[in-house]
Amino acid sequence: MSLFNYKGHCPAVGSGVFIANGAQVIGRVTLGNDVGIWFNTVIRGDVGNIEIGAKTNIQDGSVLHITDNIDLEIGRSVTIGHNAILHSCKIADFCLIGMGSLLMDNVVVGKESLVAAGAVCPPNKVYGERKLIRGNPAVEVRDLTLDEVKGLHLSADHYVERKDEYLNNNLVKKI
């Protein structure tokens, strides 16, 4: 795990945060309480702000960055899948962004939505609340069911529990 100061800006880290080995957090980044940043993730806040809400998890190999003066905002209890790329976008609370997804500048994802694995969300696209979003370019396919929305909440809770396991039990040891 590495935290880097960039031009006098240091990452702000809330309580109960797990930052895995190999993860890089740079500059103007704010991590809320109980955030999990998993292995080999890069969060580079060098030319704008990156804010990650409480109980959000950013899974292995993801890249978060910004365009000059266009911030990146992730709400609370969001699950970001492995190898996602998020660039100057806004993701509301309780969303799930699938593995390998790409969200470009000024994309907005509404509350309790699911972006399918591999989706490509083009610049300036705004998606509604409780939507299934998929494809290239990504489009809203349908409304999520109540069970799917519950699953988004459960996913966030699951990753807080997993993060706590790593923090509290020293499960990861270099060999």
Protein backbone atom coordinates (compact mmCIF):
# COMPACT_ATOMS: atom_id res chain seq x y z
CA MET A 1 0.00 0.00 0.00
CA SER A 2 1.29 3.42 -0.91
CA LEU A 3 -0.09 6.87 -0.19
CA PHE A 4 1.52 9.66 -2.19
CA ASN A 5 1.54 13.42 -1.69
CA TYR A 6 1.17 15.25 -5.01
CA LYS A 7 1.96 18.98 -5.12
CA GLY A 8 1.09 19.36 -1.44
CA HIS A 9 -2.11 17.30 -1.62
CA CYS A 10 -2.23 14.19 0.56
CA PRO A 11 -4.95 11.55 0.45
CA ALA A 12 -7.49 11.86 3.29
CA VAL A 13 -8.30 8.45 4.72
CA GLY A 14 -11.32 7.75 6.94
CA SER A 15 -11.46 5.25 9.79
CA GLY A 16 -11.56 1.51 9.19
CA VAL A 17 -10.14 1.80 5.67
CA PHE A 18 -8.28 -1.14 4.12
CA ILE A 19 -5.71 -0.35 1.42
CA ALA A 20 -4.16 -3.55 0.09
CA ASN A 21 -0.53 -4.08 -0.82
CA GLY A 22 0.23 -2.84 -4.30
CA ALA A 23 -2.55 -0.24 -4.26
CA GLN A 24 -1.50 3.34 -5.02
CA VAL A 25 -3.49 6.33 -3.72
CA ILE A 26 -2.19 9.67 -4.94
CA GLY A 27 -2.97 13.34 -4.30
CA ARG A 28 -6.45 14.81 -3.95
CA VAL A 29 -8.24 11.65 -2.88
CA THR A 30 -10.77 11.35 -0.05
CA LEU A 31 -11.68 7.89 1.23
CA GLY A 32 -14.73 7.67 3.50
CA ASN A 33 -15.00 5.37 6.49
CA ASP A 34 -14.89 1.59 5.93
CA VAL A 35 -13.67 1.85 2.33
CA GLY A 36 -11.82 -1.12 0.83
CA ILE A 37 -9.15 -0.50 -1.81
CA TRP A 38 -8.01 -3.87 -3.13
CA PHE A 39 -4.75 -5.16 -4.57
CA ASN A 40 -3.04 -3.27 -7.41
CA THR A 41 -5.66 -0.56 -7.69
CA VAL A 42 -4.50 2.93 -8.72
CA ILE A 43 -6.41 6.02 -7.56
CA ARG A 44 -4.65 9.08 -8.99
CA GLY A 45 -5.99 12.45 -7.89
CA ASP A 46 -3.38 14.66 -9.50
CA VAL A 47 -5.42 17.13 -11.61
CA GLY A 48 -8.77 17.00 -9.80
CA ASN A 49 -10.50 15.51 -6.78
CA ILE A 50 -11.53 11.91 -6.28
CA GLU A 51 -14.09 11.28 -3.53
CA ILE A 52 -15.07 7.77 -2.48
CA GLY A 53 -17.99 7.40 -0.08
CA ALA A 54 -18.20 5.26 3.05
CA LYS A 55 -18.46 1.47 2.72
CA THR A 56 -17.45 1.51 -0.93
CA ASN A 57 -15.04 -1.07 -2.31
CA ILE A 58 -12.72 -0.70 -5.28
CA GLN A 59 -11.64 -4.16 -6.38
CA ASP A 60 -8.32 -5.46 -7.66
CA GLY A 61 -6.64 -3.80 -10.62
CA SER A 62 -9.06 -0.91 -11.01
CA VAL A 63 -7.89 2.50 -12.23
CA LEU A 64 -9.51 5.77 -11.10
CA HIS A 65 -8.33 9.05 -12.62
CA ILE A 66 -9.62 12.46 -13.67
CA THR A 67 -9.46 14.99 -16.47
CA ASP A 68 -8.29 18.49 -15.49
CA ASN A 69 -10.91 20.03 -13.21
CA ILE A 70 -13.55 17.30 -13.74
CA ASP A 71 -13.79 15.44 -10.45
CA LEU A 72 -14.59 11.77 -9.90
CA GLU A 73 -17.26 11.08 -7.28
CA ILE A 74 -18.34 7.68 -5.99
CA GLY A 75 -21.18 7.48 -3.48
CA ARG A 76 -21.49 5.25 -0.44
CA SER A 77 -21.84 1.48 -0.46
CA VAL A 78 -20.75 1.14 -4.09
CA THR A 79 -19.07 -2.00 -5.44
CA ILE A 80 -16.51 -1.43 -8.21
CA GLY A 81 -15.57 -4.73 -9.90
CA HIS A 82 -12.09 -5.93 -10.82
CA ASN A 83 -10.22 -4.00 -13.51
CA ALA A 84 -12.81 -1.26 -13.89
CA ILE A 85 -11.66 2.08 -15.30
CA LEU A 86 -13.42 5.16 -13.95
CA HIS A 87 -12.48 8.55 -15.38
CA SER A 88 -14.04 11.83 -14.16
CA CYS A 89 -17.48 10.30 -13.63
CA LYS A 90 -20.16 10.29 -10.91
CA ILE A 91 -21.61 7.13 -9.41
CA ALA A 92 -24.50 7.40 -6.94
CA ASP A 93 -25.01 5.32 -3.78
CA PHE A 94 -25.54 1.53 -3.82
CA CYS A 95 -24.42 0.94 -7.40
CA LEU A 96 -22.43 -1.99 -8.73
CA ILE A 97 -19.98 -1.37 -11.56
CA GLY A 98 -19.12 -4.70 -13.19
CA MET A 99 -15.68 -6.13 -13.89
CA GLY A 100 -13.80 -4.55 -16.76
CA SER A 101 -16.27 -1.69 -17.21
CA LEU A 102 -15.15 1.66 -18.58
CA LEU A 103 -16.89 4.87 -17.46
CA MET A 104 -15.63 7.98 -19.26
CA ASP A 105 -15.71 11.70 -18.53
CA ASN A 106 -18.95 13.20 -17.20
CA VAL A 107 -20.82 9.88 -17.06
CA VAL A 108 -23.46 9.85 -14.31
CA VAL A 109 -24.86 6.58 -12.94
CA GLY A 110 -28.05 6.94 -10.89
CA LYS A 111 -28.65 5.42 -7.45
CA GLU A 112 -28.99 1.63 -7.11
CA SER A 113 -27.99 0.87 -10.69
CA LEU A 114 -25.94 -2.00 -12.07
CA VAL A 115 -23.41 -1.49 -14.87
CA ALA A 116 -22.76 -4.91 -16.41
CA ALA A 117 -19.28 -6.38 -16.75
CA GLY A 118 -17.43 -5.01 -19.77
CA ALA A 119 -19.82 -2.13 -20.38
CA VAL A 120 -18.43 1.00 -22.04
CA CYS A 121 -20.18 4.18 -20.88
CA PRO A 122 -19.35 6.98 -23.34
CA PRO A 123 -18.60 10.57 -22.28
CA ASN A 124 -21.45 12.78 -21.03
CA LYS A 125 -23.99 9.95 -20.78
CA VAL A 126 -26.47 10.12 -17.88
CA TYR A 127 -28.14 6.93 -16.65
CA GLY A 128 -31.17 6.76 -14.37
CA GLU A 129 -31.80 5.14 -10.99
CA ARG A 130 -32.33 1.39 -10.52
CA LYS A 131 -31.27 0.56 -14.07
CA LEU A 132 -29.44 -2.35 -15.67
CA ILE A 133 -26.85 -0.75 -17.95
CA ARG A 134 -24.86 -2.80 -20.44
CA GLY A 135 -23.22 -2.89 -23.85
CA ASN A 136 -20.81 -0.86 -25.95
CA PRO A 137 -21.92 1.85 -26.02
CA ALA A 138 -23.76 1.13 -22.78
CA VAL A 139 -27.52 1.68 -22.68
CA GLU A 140 -30.23 1.25 -20.07
CA VAL A 141 -31.72 -2.19 -20.74
CA ARG A 142 -34.42 -2.33 -18.07
CA ASP A 143 -35.35 -1.45 -14.50
CA LEU A 144 -33.81 -3.59 -11.76
CA THR A 145 -36.06 -5.86 -9.75
CA LEU A 146 -36.39 -5.38 -5.99
CA ASP A 147 -34.32 -8.54 -5.45
CA GLU A 148 -31.56 -7.13 -7.67
CA VAL A 149 -31.58 -3.87 -5.73
CA LYS A 150 -31.31 -5.84 -2.47
CA GLY A 151 -28.34 -7.65 -4.03
CA LEU A 152 -26.55 -4.33 -4.58
CA HIS A 153 -26.90 -3.55 -0.88
CA LEU A 154 -25.75 -7.06 0.10
CA SER A 155 -22.70 -6.76 -2.16
CA ALA A 156 -21.55 -3.60 -0.39
CA ASP A 157 -22.12 -5.18 3.04
CA HIS A 158 -20.23 -8.31 1.97
CA TYR A 159 -17.17 -6.30 0.99
CA VAL A 160 -17.17 -4.34 4.25
CA GLU A 161 -17.10 -7.70 6.07
CA ARG A 162 -14.31 -8.99 3.82
CA LYS A 163 -12.32 -5.77 4.31
CA ASP A 164 -12.69 -6.14 8.08
CA GLU A 165 -11.42 -9.73 7.90
CA TYR A 166 -8.25 -8.51 6.20
CA LEU A 167 -7.80 -5.64 8.66
CA ASN A 168 -8.52 -7.56 11.85
CA ASN A 169 -7.07 -10.99 11.26
CA ASN A 170 -3.86 -10.30 9.40
CA LEU A 171 -4.93 -12.80 6.74
CA VAL A 172 -2.43 -11.59 4.15
CA LYS A 173 1.22 -12.26 4.85
CA LYS A 174 4.19 -11.92 2.55
CA ILE A 175 6.05 -15.22 2.12
